[in-house]
Amino acid sequence: MIDLSLDSRPLSTDAFGPTALFVLLFAVGTPLLGTTPRPALGQSPDTMRVAGTPLTSSDSAAARRLLRADLRPTSPRWTKIRESEGRGRVAKTVFRVTRLAYPADVRADSMLAFFRDAGTRHPDPSIQAEFLFGGLQLAASAERKAAQEQLYERLVSDHEGSHYAEQARRLYAPGSQIEAGNSLPSFQLPKLSDSTATFAKSDFEDQTVLIDFWGTWCGPCIQAMPHLHEAYRTHGGEDFTILSVALRDTREAVQTFRAQKWEMPWHHAFVPKGSDLQKTVRGRFDITGLPAAILVGPEGQILQVSRGVGSGEKVLQAIRKAVASGRAPENTGR
């Protein structure tokens, strides 16, 4: 998921496989903690250096040793990394090293265990808070509801006044209106083709509609395009349609994208970047990052909410169930 806030970047993965992590690291767009921006002399281009230890893509055993030794949950090195690299870099280091240390099928559980342990036992309270927030981001992206609730409660209660507790309350507070089973809020969204005309909730009565919040600049949104096109090719018509809502973009960028990359032959709304409407839309639809897709049934009830990397495939599966079989799919989480 690409974050829309100015001071927080939720870390999103899809089963934490290599492709999802590549998208995550590409989206962040900044050097990771403890890595050098380019290979040192005599160092292979696929080698990274973390906590003074060079690691290649095949060094899983070395990465696990590093997490048990120099980068163990209570290590003082985490404070040094925070002091030298700045806020937010600790979690990125964990993601980078655990990608090497653990296979994809156990990676999420291993990372959550590490974040919980460090968030509880590290002697530096500011580092504890950063680990808990990293674990909260991970649990939300991996759809681990119980873990998400536990990490949220610990962060906001034990570190009430911290930056990360504030971010957690803003991004992950329970009780969102945008959840399966709730009624979709009303809206008026300007059309891409004509800013004086709008789309409204009433325009989609008696239809199943996917409201897809996206941007041409959003890598995971583009990854979802094949799935959205397949859904529309198969089910588009009187019973099902898509409304794509472009955020933080320009009309020209969206029009060029559709002309040169993906046709997106469905309805399009455009929310001007930096506008009051953008703030309203983000709040009303609980948009903390992109992509965000809300599947709504013919009666206006939310059937599913899918967010982040990998949401395209989940959406396609949900649409098949909702349109073909008439069964409402389960909510996939925040």
Foldseek 3Di string as FASTA:
>chain_A
DAFPDDPDGQQAADLLAPVRVVLRVVSVPDDAQQFDPADDVPGDRQWTGHPNRIDHLQPQVVLVVCCVPCVPLQHPVLVVSCVVPHPPRSLRVLSVSLNSNDDSNCSLVVLLVRLVSSLPPHPDVVSNLSSLLSSLSSCQNHLVVVSNVVSLVCNCVVVVPDPSNVVCCLQPNPDDQQFFFHFQDWDWFAFLVGRVHTDIPVVQAQAWEKEKEDEPVRPLVVVLQVLVVVLCVVFNDDHYFYEYEYEPYDSVSVVCCCVPPNVRPGTYGYDDYPDPVNVVVCRSNVDRGDTWMWIAHNHRGTLEIAGDHPRSVVVSVQSCCCRVVVDRHHYSGD
